[in-house]
Amino acid sequence: MSVTESNGTQLYYEVHGSGAAVLFVHGSGGHHAAWWQQVTALRDEYTVITMDLRGFGCSRWEGDHDSAAFPGDIIAVLDAVAAGGGPDRTVLVGQSIGAAAALRAALDRPDRASGVVLAHSLGGLKHPELATLVKADRAAAEKLPVLDRLLTPQFRAQRPDLAFLFRQMGTFNTATMADLRNLGSDGPTLEELSAAPFPVLLLAGEKDSVLSPSTVRRAGELLTQARVEIVPGAPHSMYWETPGLFNEALGRFLAEVTSAQATRA
């Protein structure tokens, strides 16, 4: 359990395990503890970093509320981990709204990024066709109750305990959706992301009600160097509802990144 500072805000983060590093950036209803099923699965092989963006979990948000500060929060944590003797470079995993912040942080500081996973998000990628597809997906999702967008009805019926815990996670946060209005406003163009010196994985679920698999596949066609993995049967909150599938897909990407790093070394 550690704290670092970013532009006057105290940021909470945790480091578990050892080895090549992976940092998880939560979505709008989460915080560092949302990744409990990933930490325990990966900490024996990797350095697993979890954090609270400002306004979430244990990171308080004072002053002006602007999600444009999120990438700087991530960089502050990466710098603190490296300064404390941890790995210099990390695979950044961003879930939903966390993906845009993770991608921008990696592009701003590529010396800290060994890879990026955009989970259930295009990371604010700027492209007219993709913007139209994402907008249509969002309009369809907004016709559903919020929880139906995130977890399948079958899971909620079978695991009411985990569905209840999922809902309770958001009660620890002070940031609101209005505070996230500028999230992804400085998203990259295809050209900027194509020139990035790190690999990118577009990870999505077949049953995602927020971002459709067809939209993710189209992004992969345009971003030819990115890997695309659509996980059968997985919903928007794959990391929570089907953690085994999420961890397996992520594990394959981490193994590839780690192997490539070892080859270059």
C-alpha atoms as a PDB file:
ATOM      1  CA  MET A   1       0.000   0.000   0.000  1.00  0.00           C
ATOM      2  CA  SER A   2       1.643   3.206  -1.184  1.00  0.00           C
ATOM      3  CA  VAL A   3       0.825   6.815  -1.977  1.00  0.00           C
ATOM      4  CA  THR A   4       2.370   9.167  -4.508  1.00  0.00           C
ATOM      5  CA  GLU A   5       1.467  12.677  -5.644  1.00  0.00           C
ATOM      6  CA  SER A   6       0.307  14.048  -8.954  1.00  0.00           C
ATOM      7  CA  ASN A   7      -0.341  17.782  -9.275  1.00  0.00           C
ATOM      8  CA  GLY A   8      -1.242  18.145  -5.632  1.00  0.00           C
ATOM      9  CA  THR A   9      -3.413  15.018  -5.442  1.00  0.00           C
ATOM     10  CA  GLN A  10      -2.474  12.027  -3.316  1.00  0.00           C
ATOM     11  CA  LEU A  11      -2.794   8.826  -5.347  1.00  0.00           C
ATOM     12  CA  TYR A  12      -3.166   5.395  -3.799  1.00  0.00           C
ATOM     13  CA  TYR A  13      -1.572   2.326  -5.406  1.00  0.00           C
ATOM     14  CA  GLU A  14      -0.480  -1.198  -4.540  1.00  0.00           C
ATOM     15  CA  VAL A  15       2.297  -3.443  -5.840  1.00  0.00           C
ATOM     16  CA  HIS A  16       2.079  -7.225  -5.603  1.00  0.00           C
ATOM     17  CA  GLY A  17       4.455  -9.968  -6.740  1.00  0.00           C
ATOM     18  CA  SER A  18       7.605  -9.645  -8.828  1.00  0.00           C
ATOM     19  CA  GLY A  19       8.775  -9.956 -12.415  1.00  0.00           C
ATOM     20  CA  ALA A  20       7.704  -8.093 -15.525  1.00  0.00           C
ATOM     21  CA  ALA A  21       5.087  -5.479 -14.663  1.00  0.00           C
ATOM     22  CA  VAL A  22       1.407  -5.011 -15.465  1.00  0.00           C
ATOM     23  CA  LEU A  23      -0.642  -2.019 -14.264  1.00  0.00           C
ATOM     24  CA  PHE A  24      -4.450  -2.164 -14.101  1.00  0.00           C
ATOM     25  CA  VAL A  25      -6.516   0.998 -14.589  1.00  0.00           C
ATOM     26  CA  HIS A  26     -10.128   0.614 -13.462  1.00  0.00           C
ATOM     27  CA  GLY A  27     -13.373   1.712 -15.084  1.00  0.00           C
ATOM     28  CA  SER A  28     -15.943   4.244 -13.876  1.00  0.00           C
ATOM     29  CA  GLY A  29     -17.437   1.991 -11.199  1.00  0.00           C
ATOM     30  CA  GLY A  30     -14.205   0.503  -9.929  1.00  0.00           C
ATOM     31  CA  HIS A  31     -11.017   1.191  -8.038  1.00  0.00           C
ATOM     32  CA  HIS A  32      -7.864  -0.745  -7.138  1.00  0.00           C
ATOM     33  CA  ALA A  33      -9.727  -3.576  -5.370  1.00  0.00           C
ATOM     34  CA  ALA A  34     -11.814  -4.370  -8.463  1.00  0.00           C
ATOM     35  CA  TRP A  35      -8.828  -6.351  -9.774  1.00  0.00           C
ATOM     36  CA  TRP A  36      -8.750  -8.928  -6.964  1.00  0.00           C
ATOM     37  CA  GLN A  37      -9.270 -11.800  -9.419  1.00  0.00           C
ATOM     38  CA  GLN A  38      -6.362 -10.609 -11.561  1.00  0.00           C
ATOM     39  CA  VAL A  39      -3.919  -9.863  -8.736  1.00  0.00           C
ATOM     40  CA  THR A  40      -4.178 -13.343  -7.259  1.00  0.00           C
ATOM     41  CA  ALA A  41      -3.900 -14.989 -10.679  1.00  0.00           C
ATOM     42  CA  LEU A  42      -0.829 -13.051 -11.846  1.00  0.00           C
ATOM     43  CA  ARG A  43       1.246 -12.055  -8.805  1.00  0.00           C
ATOM     44  CA  ASP A  44       3.288 -15.267  -8.748  1.00  0.00           C
ATOM     45  CA  GLU A  45       4.675 -14.478 -12.191  1.00  0.00           C
ATOM     46  CA  TYR A  46       4.398 -10.705 -12.590  1.00  0.00           C
ATOM     47  CA  THR A  47       4.696  -7.452 -10.712  1.00  0.00           C
ATOM     48  CA  VAL A  48       1.015  -6.495 -10.506  1.00  0.00           C
ATOM     49  CA  ILE A  49       0.225  -2.810  -9.900  1.00  0.00           C
ATOM     50  CA  THR A  50      -3.240  -1.531  -9.073  1.00  0.00           C
ATOM     51  CA  MET A  51      -4.152   2.094  -8.491  1.00  0.00           C
ATOM     52  CA  ASP A  52      -6.966   4.518  -7.796  1.00  0.00           C
ATOM     53  CA  LEU A  53      -7.406   7.377 -10.224  1.00  0.00           C
ATOM     54  CA  ARG A  54      -8.260  10.642  -8.490  1.00  0.00           C
ATOM     55  CA  GLY A  55     -11.820  10.570  -7.196  1.00  0.00           C
ATOM     56  CA  PHE A  56     -11.859   6.780  -6.940  1.00  0.00           C
ATOM     57  CA  GLY A  57     -11.209   4.469  -4.008  1.00  0.00           C
ATOM     58  CA  CYS A  58      -8.548   5.877  -1.700  1.00  0.00           C
ATOM     59  CA  SER A  59      -7.428   8.706  -4.018  1.00  0.00           C
ATOM     60  CA  ARG A  60      -9.213  11.912  -3.028  1.00  0.00           C
ATOM     61  CA  TRP A  61     -10.022  14.575  -5.600  1.00  0.00           C
ATOM     62  CA  GLU A  62      -9.533  18.166  -4.474  1.00  0.00           C
ATOM     63  CA  GLY A  63      -9.880  21.267  -6.616  1.00  0.00           C
ATOM     64  CA  ASP A  64     -11.108  21.308 -10.192  1.00  0.00           C
ATOM     65  CA  HIS A  65     -12.613  18.046 -11.383  1.00  0.00           C
ATOM     66  CA  ASP A  66     -11.221  17.160 -14.796  1.00  0.00           C
ATOM     67  CA  SER A  67     -10.481  13.657 -16.037  1.00  0.00           C
ATOM     68  CA  ALA A  68      -7.784  15.105 -18.293  1.00  0.00           C
ATOM     69  CA  ALA A  69      -5.554  14.643 -15.215  1.00  0.00           C
ATOM     70  CA  PHE A  70      -5.927  10.840 -15.293  1.00  0.00           C
ATOM     71  CA  PRO A  71      -2.986  10.088 -17.647  1.00  0.00           C
ATOM     72  CA  GLY A  72      -0.726  12.149 -15.382  1.00  0.00           C
ATOM     73  CA  ASP A  73      -1.964  10.129 -12.409  1.00  0.00           C
ATOM     74  CA  ILE A  74      -0.947   6.915 -14.147  1.00  0.00           C
ATOM     75  CA  ILE A  75       2.481   8.284 -15.068  1.00  0.00           C
ATOM     76  CA  ALA A  76       3.036   9.413 -11.461  1.00  0.00           C
ATOM     77  CA  VAL A  77       2.389   5.870 -10.246  1.00  0.00           C
ATOM     78  CA  LEU A  78       4.647   4.334 -12.901  1.00  0.00           C
ATOM     79  CA  ASP A  79       7.435   6.747 -11.964  1.00  0.00           C
ATOM     80  CA  ALA A  80       6.970   6.001  -8.261  1.00  0.00           C
ATOM     81  CA  VAL A  81       7.157   2.243  -8.841  1.00  0.00           C
ATOM     82  CA  ALA A  82      10.333   2.610 -10.917  1.00  0.00           C
ATOM     83  CA  ALA A  83      11.899   4.972  -8.372  1.00  0.00           C
ATOM     84  CA  GLY A  84      11.188   2.395  -5.666  1.00  0.00           C
ATOM     85  CA  GLY A  85      13.195  -0.259  -7.481  1.00  0.00           C
ATOM     86  CA  GLY A  86      10.351  -1.736  -9.501  1.00  0.00           C
ATOM     87  CA  PRO A  87      10.293  -2.378 -13.255  1.00  0.00           C
ATOM     88  CA  ASP A  88      10.979   0.597 -15.528  1.00  0.00           C
ATOM     89  CA  ARG A  89       8.410  -0.455 -18.116  1.00  0.00           C
ATOM     90  CA  THR A  90       4.916  -1.820 -17.698  1.00  0.00           C
ATOM     91  CA  VAL A  91       2.024  -3.244 -19.689  1.00  0.00           C
ATOM     92  CA  LEU A  92      -0.902  -0.894 -19.068  1.00  0.00           C
ATOM     93  CA  VAL A  93      -4.340  -2.526 -18.932  1.00  0.00           C
ATOM     94  CA  GLY A  94      -7.214  -0.054 -19.140  1.00  0.00           C
ATOM     95  CA  GLN A  95     -10.802  -1.191 -18.538  1.00  0.00           C
ATOM     96  CA  SER A  96     -13.544   0.845 -20.211  1.00  0.00           C
ATOM     97  CA  ILE A  97     -12.993   4.520 -19.207  1.00  0.00           C
ATOM     98  CA  GLY A  98      -9.580   3.573 -17.838  1.00  0.00           C
ATOM     99  CA  ALA A  99      -8.437   2.614 -21.324  1.00  0.00           C
ATOM    100  CA  ALA A 100      -8.349   6.168 -22.687  1.00  0.00           C
ATOM    101  CA  ALA A 101      -6.238   7.319 -19.737  1.00  0.00           C
ATOM    102  CA  ALA A 102      -3.927   4.317 -19.987  1.00  0.00           C
ATOM    103  CA  LEU A 103      -3.367   4.801 -23.706  1.00  0.00           C
ATOM    104  CA  ARG A 104      -2.649   8.510 -23.390  1.00  0.00           C
ATOM    105  CA  ALA A 105      -0.238   7.856 -20.511  1.00  0.00           C
ATOM    106  CA  ALA A 106       1.613   5.291 -22.609  1.00  0.00           C
ATOM    107  CA  LEU A 107       1.845   7.616 -25.594  1.00  0.00           C
ATOM    108  CA  ASP A 108       3.026  10.493 -23.421  1.00  0.00           C
ATOM    109  CA  ARG A 109       5.663   8.333 -21.741  1.00  0.00           C
ATOM    110  CA  PRO A 110       6.564   5.439 -24.052  1.00  0.00           C
ATOM    111  CA  ASP A 111       9.698   4.869 -21.973  1.00  0.00           C
ATOM    112  CA  ARG A 112       7.391   3.535 -19.246  1.00  0.00           C
ATOM    113  CA  ALA A 113       5.134   1.411 -21.493  1.00  0.00           C
ATOM    114  CA  SER A 114       5.957  -2.073 -22.723  1.00  0.00           C
ATOM    115  CA  GLY A 115       2.430  -2.620 -24.062  1.00  0.00           C
ATOM    116  CA  VAL A 116      -1.178  -1.469 -23.803  1.00  0.00           C
ATOM    117  CA  VAL A 117      -4.383  -3.477 -23.455  1.00  0.00           C
ATOM    118  CA  LEU A 118      -7.572  -1.618 -24.363  1.00  0.00           C
ATOM    119  CA  ALA A 119     -10.249  -3.694 -22.635  1.00  0.00           C
ATOM    120  CA  HIS A 120     -13.784  -2.990 -23.886  1.00  0.00           C
ATOM    121  CA  SER A 121     -12.721   0.402 -25.241  1.00  0.00           C
ATOM    122  CA  LEU A 122     -11.002   1.972 -28.230  1.00  0.00           C
ATOM    123  CA  GLY A 123      -9.089   4.272 -25.887  1.00  0.00           C
ATOM    124  CA  GLY A 124     -10.483   7.502 -27.344  1.00  0.00           C
ATOM    125  CA  LEU A 125      -9.025   6.728 -30.765  1.00  0.00           C
ATOM    126  CA  LYS A 126      -9.866   9.570 -33.143  1.00  0.00           C
ATOM    127  CA  HIS A 127     -11.289   8.364 -36.431  1.00  0.00           C
ATOM    128  CA  PRO A 128     -14.574   9.492 -38.021  1.00  0.00           C
ATOM    129  CA  GLU A 129     -15.845   6.038 -38.940  1.00  0.00           C
ATOM    130  CA  LEU A 130     -14.970   4.568 -35.545  1.00  0.00           C
ATOM    131  CA  ALA A 131     -16.517   7.550 -33.776  1.00  0.00           C
ATOM    132  CA  THR A 132     -19.801   6.888 -35.605  1.00  0.00           C
ATOM    133  CA  LEU A 133     -19.725   3.200 -34.684  1.00  0.00           C
ATOM    134  CA  VAL A 134     -18.922   3.906 -31.033  1.00  0.00           C
ATOM    135  CA  LYS A 135     -21.715   6.480 -30.839  1.00  0.00           C
ATOM    136  CA  ALA A 136     -24.212   3.971 -32.239  1.00  0.00           C
ATOM    137  CA  ASP A 137     -23.073   1.317 -29.766  1.00  0.00           C
ATOM    138  CA  ARG A 138     -23.446   3.775 -26.894  1.00  0.00           C
ATOM    139  CA  ALA A 139     -26.941   4.792 -28.012  1.00  0.00           C
ATOM    140  CA  ALA A 140     -28.012   1.144 -28.050  1.00  0.00           C
ATOM    141  CA  ALA A 141     -26.469   0.553 -24.618  1.00  0.00           C
ATOM    142  CA  GLU A 142     -28.263   3.524 -23.102  1.00  0.00           C
ATOM    143  CA  LYS A 143     -31.593   1.821 -23.801  1.00  0.00           C
ATOM    144  CA  LEU A 144     -30.643  -0.831 -21.222  1.00  0.00           C
ATOM    145  CA  PRO A 145     -30.587  -0.506 -17.416  1.00  0.00           C
ATOM    146  CA  VAL A 146     -27.042   0.326 -16.281  1.00  0.00           C
ATOM    147  CA  LEU A 147     -26.362  -3.055 -14.680  1.00  0.00           C
ATOM    148  CA  ASP A 148     -27.565  -4.901 -17.794  1.00  0.00           C
ATOM    149  CA  ARG A 149     -24.839  -3.117 -19.751  1.00  0.00           C
ATOM    150  CA  LEU A 150     -22.130  -4.391 -17.434  1.00  0.00           C
ATOM    151  CA  LEU A 151     -23.092  -7.893 -16.246  1.00  0.00           C
ATOM    152  CA  THR A 152     -25.263 -10.518 -17.897  1.00  0.00           C
ATOM    153  CA  PRO A 153     -28.630 -11.377 -16.293  1.00  0.00           C
ATOM    154  CA  GLN A 154     -27.517 -15.025 -16.094  1.00  0.00           C
ATOM    155  CA  PHE A 155     -24.474 -14.154 -14.006  1.00  0.00           C
ATOM    156  CA  ARG A 156     -26.484 -11.921 -11.698  1.00  0.00           C
ATOM    157  CA  ALA A 157     -28.967 -14.742 -11.137  1.00  0.00           C
ATOM    158  CA  GLN A 158     -26.285 -17.362 -10.538  1.00  0.00           C
ATOM    159  CA  ARG A 159     -23.942 -15.205  -8.449  1.00  0.00           C
ATOM    160  CA  PRO A 160     -26.018 -12.611  -6.595  1.00  0.00           C
ATOM    161  CA  ASP A 161     -23.163 -12.240  -4.082  1.00  0.00           C
ATOM    162  CA  LEU A 162     -20.666 -11.096  -6.726  1.00  0.00           C
ATOM    163  CA  ALA A 163     -23.291  -8.955  -8.456  1.00  0.00           C
ATOM    164  CA  PHE A 164     -23.964  -7.225  -5.121  1.00  0.00           C
ATOM    165  CA  LEU A 165     -20.236  -6.696  -4.510  1.00  0.00           C
ATOM    166  CA  PHE A 166     -19.862  -5.292  -8.027  1.00  0.00           C
ATOM    167  CA  ARG A 167     -22.528  -2.678  -7.307  1.00  0.00           C
ATOM    168  CA  GLN A 168     -20.987  -1.832  -3.942  1.00  0.00           C
ATOM    169  CA  MET A 169     -17.587  -1.107  -5.507  1.00  0.00           C
ATOM    170  CA  GLY A 170     -18.847   2.179  -6.887  1.00  0.00           C
ATOM    171  CA  THR A 171     -19.935   3.459  -3.481  1.00  0.00           C
ATOM    172  CA  PHE A 172     -16.299   4.097  -2.567  1.00  0.00           C
ATOM    173  CA  ASN A 173     -15.893   6.657  -5.355  1.00  0.00           C
ATOM    174  CA  THR A 174     -16.511  10.402  -5.270  1.00  0.00           C
ATOM    175  CA  ALA A 175     -15.955  11.097  -8.975  1.00  0.00           C
ATOM    176  CA  THR A 176     -19.132  11.360 -11.032  1.00  0.00           C
ATOM    177  CA  MET A 177     -19.828  10.781 -14.715  1.00  0.00           C
ATOM    178  CA  ALA A 178     -19.962  14.570 -15.134  1.00  0.00           C
ATOM    179  CA  ASP A 179     -16.355  14.715 -13.919  1.00  0.00           C
ATOM    180  CA  LEU A 180     -15.351  12.418 -16.793  1.00  0.00           C
ATOM    181  CA  ARG A 181     -16.563  14.759 -19.535  1.00  0.00           C
ATOM    182  CA  ASN A 182     -13.076  15.395 -20.960  1.00  0.00           C
ATOM    183  CA  LEU A 183     -11.995  11.765 -20.869  1.00  0.00           C
ATOM    184  CA  GLY A 184     -10.454  10.789 -24.189  1.00  0.00           C
ATOM    185  CA  SER A 185     -10.645  14.333 -25.558  1.00  0.00           C
ATOM    186  CA  ASP A 186      -6.959  14.085 -26.476  1.00  0.00           C
ATOM    187  CA  GLY A 187      -7.202  10.574 -27.890  1.00  0.00           C
ATOM    188  CA  PRO A 188      -4.687   9.601 -30.563  1.00  0.00           C
ATOM    189  CA  THR A 189      -5.133   9.409 -34.306  1.00  0.00           C
ATOM    190  CA  LEU A 190      -4.525   6.159 -36.148  1.00  0.00           C
ATOM    191  CA  GLU A 191      -1.224   7.578 -37.319  1.00  0.00           C
ATOM    192  CA  GLU A 192      -0.074   8.451 -33.793  1.00  0.00           C
ATOM    193  CA  LEU A 193      -0.976   5.048 -32.404  1.00  0.00           C
ATOM    194  CA  SER A 194       0.502   3.244 -35.406  1.00  0.00           C
ATOM    195  CA  ALA A 195       3.825   4.943 -34.679  1.00  0.00           C
ATOM    196  CA  ALA A 196       3.828   3.887 -31.016  1.00  0.00           C
ATOM    197  CA  PRO A 197       6.837   1.772 -30.003  1.00  0.00           C
ATOM    198  CA  PHE A 198       4.762  -0.725 -28.016  1.00  0.00           C
ATOM    199  CA  PRO A 199       2.254  -3.456 -28.934  1.00  0.00           C
ATOM    200  CA  VAL A 200      -1.487  -2.944 -28.471  1.00  0.00           C
ATOM    201  CA  LEU A 201      -4.199  -5.493 -27.715  1.00  0.00           C
ATOM    202  CA  LEU A 202      -7.875  -4.725 -28.359  1.00  0.00           C
ATOM    203  CA  LEU A 203      -9.622  -7.041 -25.907  1.00  0.00           C
ATOM    204  CA  ALA A 204     -13.396  -7.358 -26.038  1.00  0.00           C
ATOM    205  CA  GLY A 205     -16.251  -9.653 -25.131  1.00  0.00           C
ATOM    206  CA  GLU A 206     -18.670 -11.290 -27.535  1.00  0.00           C
ATOM    207  CA  LYS A 207     -21.580 -10.187 -25.308  1.00  0.00           C
ATOM    208  CA  ASP A 208     -20.380  -6.652 -24.618  1.00  0.00           C
ATOM    209  CA  SER A 209     -23.439  -4.398 -24.555  1.00  0.00           C
ATOM    210  CA  VAL A 210     -21.414  -1.176 -24.486  1.00  0.00           C
ATOM    211  CA  LEU A 211     -18.903  -1.686 -27.307  1.00  0.00           C
ATOM    212  CA  SER A 212     -19.855  -4.188 -29.993  1.00  0.00           C
ATOM    213  CA  PRO A 213     -17.403  -6.821 -31.270  1.00  0.00           C
ATOM    214  CA  SER A 214     -17.976  -5.576 -34.821  1.00  0.00           C
ATOM    215  CA  THR A 215     -16.758  -2.105 -33.823  1.00  0.00           C
ATOM    216  CA  VAL A 216     -13.652  -3.574 -32.207  1.00  0.00           C
ATOM    217  CA  ARG A 217     -12.950  -5.727 -35.253  1.00  0.00           C
ATOM    218  CA  ARG A 218     -13.234  -2.681 -37.517  1.00  0.00           C
ATOM    219  CA  ALA A 219     -10.761  -0.830 -35.309  1.00  0.00           C
ATOM    220  CA  GLY A 220      -8.404  -3.768 -35.695  1.00  0.00           C
ATOM    221  CA  GLU A 221      -8.724  -3.606 -39.473  1.00  0.00           C
ATOM    222  CA  LEU A 222      -7.763   0.064 -39.423  1.00  0.00           C
ATOM    223  CA  LEU A 223      -5.050  -0.364 -36.809  1.00  0.00           C
ATOM    224  CA  THR A 224      -3.307  -3.192 -38.577  1.00  0.00           C
ATOM    225  CA  GLN A 225      -0.459  -3.730 -36.110  1.00  0.00           C
ATOM    226  CA  ALA A 226      -2.815  -4.162 -33.134  1.00  0.00           C
ATOM    227  CA  ARG A 227      -3.924  -7.565 -31.938  1.00  0.00           C
ATOM    228  CA  VAL A 228      -7.680  -8.154 -31.602  1.00  0.00           C
ATOM    229  CA  GLU A 229      -9.167 -10.772 -29.306  1.00  0.00           C
ATOM    230  CA  ILE A 230     -12.935 -11.193 -28.991  1.00  0.00           C
ATOM    231  CA  VAL A 231     -13.652 -13.572 -26.112  1.00  0.00           C
ATOM    232  CA  PRO A 232     -16.701 -15.832 -26.696  1.00  0.00           C
ATOM    233  CA  GLY A 233     -19.479 -15.426 -24.142  1.00  0.00           C
ATOM    234  CA  ALA A 234     -17.813 -12.555 -22.283  1.00  0.00           C
ATOM    235  CA  PRO A 235     -19.661  -9.349 -21.253  1.00  0.00           C
ATOM    236  CA  HIS A 236     -18.447  -5.767 -20.812  1.00  0.00           C
ATOM    237  CA  SER A 237     -17.111  -6.502 -17.317  1.00  0.00           C
ATOM    238  CA  MET A 238     -15.244  -9.617 -18.415  1.00  0.00           C
ATOM    239  CA  TYR A 239     -12.563  -9.145 -15.768  1.00  0.00           C
ATOM    240  CA  TRP A 240     -15.273  -9.552 -13.097  1.00  0.00           C
ATOM    241  CA  GLU A 241     -17.835 -11.968 -14.543  1.00  0.00           C
ATOM    242  CA  THR A 242     -15.521 -14.309 -16.447  1.00  0.00           C
ATOM    243  CA  PRO A 243     -12.108 -13.641 -14.872  1.00  0.00           C
ATOM    244  CA  GLY A 244     -10.627 -16.908 -16.106  1.00  0.00           C
ATOM    245  CA  LEU A 245     -11.265 -15.945 -19.732  1.00  0.00           C
ATOM    246  CA  PHE A 246      -9.974 -12.423 -19.143  1.00  0.00           C
ATOM    247  CA  ASN A 247      -6.839 -13.633 -17.366  1.00  0.00           C
ATOM    248  CA  GLU A 248      -6.080 -16.217 -20.048  1.00  0.00           C
ATOM    249  CA  ALA A 249      -6.335 -13.660 -22.845  1.00  0.00           C
ATOM    250  CA  LEU A 250      -4.275 -11.137 -20.911  1.00  0.00           C
ATOM    251  CA  GLY A 251      -1.746 -13.816 -19.956  1.00  0.00           C
ATOM    252  CA  ARG A 252      -1.094 -14.640 -23.596  1.00  0.00           C
ATOM    253  CA  PHE A 253      -0.370 -10.998 -24.369  1.00  0.00           C
ATOM    254  CA  LEU A 254       1.846 -10.586 -21.299  1.00  0.00           C
ATOM    255  CA  ALA A 255       3.831 -13.672 -22.263  1.00  0.00           C
ATOM    256  CA  GLU A 256       4.387 -12.299 -25.772  1.00  0.00           C
ATOM    257  CA  VAL A 257       5.495  -8.914 -24.468  1.00  0.00           C
ATOM    258  CA  THR A 258       7.801 -10.466 -21.892  1.00  0.00           C
ATOM    259  CA  SER A 259       9.324 -12.797 -24.471  1.00  0.00           C
ATOM    260  CA  ALA A 260       9.924  -9.912 -26.881  1.00  0.00           C
ATOM    261  CA  GLN A 261      11.602  -7.896 -24.117  1.00  0.00           C
ATOM    262  CA  ALA A 262      13.873 -10.809 -23.259  1.00  0.00           C
ATOM    263  CA  THR A 263      14.834 -11.230 -26.925  1.00  0.00           C
ATOM    264  CA  ARG A 264      15.733  -7.544 -27.248  1.00  0.00           C
ATOM    265  CA  ALA A 265      17.775  -7.686 -24.055  1.00  0.00           C
END
